[in-house]
Amino acid sequence: MQVQRSSLKAIGAAAAVAAVIAVASVAGFGGQASAGSEVSGTTRTVTATAEGSATGVPDQLTANVGISNDGVSAADVLAENSQKTKALIDRLKKAGIDAKDIATTSVNLGPRYDDNGDINGYRADNSLRITLHDLKTAGARLDDVVQVGGDSARVQSVSLGFNEDDALLSKARVDAVKRAQTQATEMAKAAGAQIGAVRTITDVVVSSSVPVEYKASASGAADASVPVEAGSQDLTVQVRVVYELRA
């Protein structure tokens, strides 16, 4: 009986020690969490969105052109369309247009219907996107489209742009950031604060090309090359800047 009592005392003592250790561990964990919450805080910020621009003279033209033709037989219509499209591509390459600047954007072949809903023929369309890096010869290349395609030729649209726009983008970006800083300073002052360090800057290119209205077919073609005037073009960049706010 004496042995059993000694064993019970030992077990009780061990349990008491374990309980003290457990309480100490919990208390220590709680102390760390409390210290962390004391140092943490919310940083006030102000966000400004602004646009900047830079003006340059375009030196590149992108044209969307096509060959369209109709006929009774689907096979004949597609064959004629393919022949004229290939002739146009060969003409452009012979004129010095690089293959990488000539891209097929769509090829379509479908039936035509009369007033009664019956098929009375077929129509084929083949569209190309051509990038011309020299505006001095761009008009002549547009003439090539009409001369090779004949009445099947279509110049659907053209747009002006830049071969190298990095310098203009940089200038527009600097302008946008300056405008954003001015806006943020005004808003902070109105709230009785000052702007601090920049937290983030987001850059978005808004525009880099201007579409030019131009549509033509062989029936309206003239002997002279199509006139192309570069004019000037604004390249616009938008930025969103987040600043810290200081009292």
Foldseek 3Di string as FASTA:
>chain_A
DVVVVVVVVVVVVVVVVVVVVVVVVVVVVVVVVVVVVVPDDDFDKDKFKFKFKDKDFFQKKKWKKKFKDKDADQVVQVVVRVVLVVVLVVVCVVVPFDPVQKAKDDWDKDFDADPVRDTRIMMIMTIIMGMDRGLVCVLVSVVSQQVSRPQRMKGQWMKTFHPDCPVRVVNRVVRQVVVRQVVRQVVLVVVVWGWAAWDDKDKDWDDTMDIDDDIDHNVPDDPDGDDDGRPMDMTMMMMMIMTTIGD
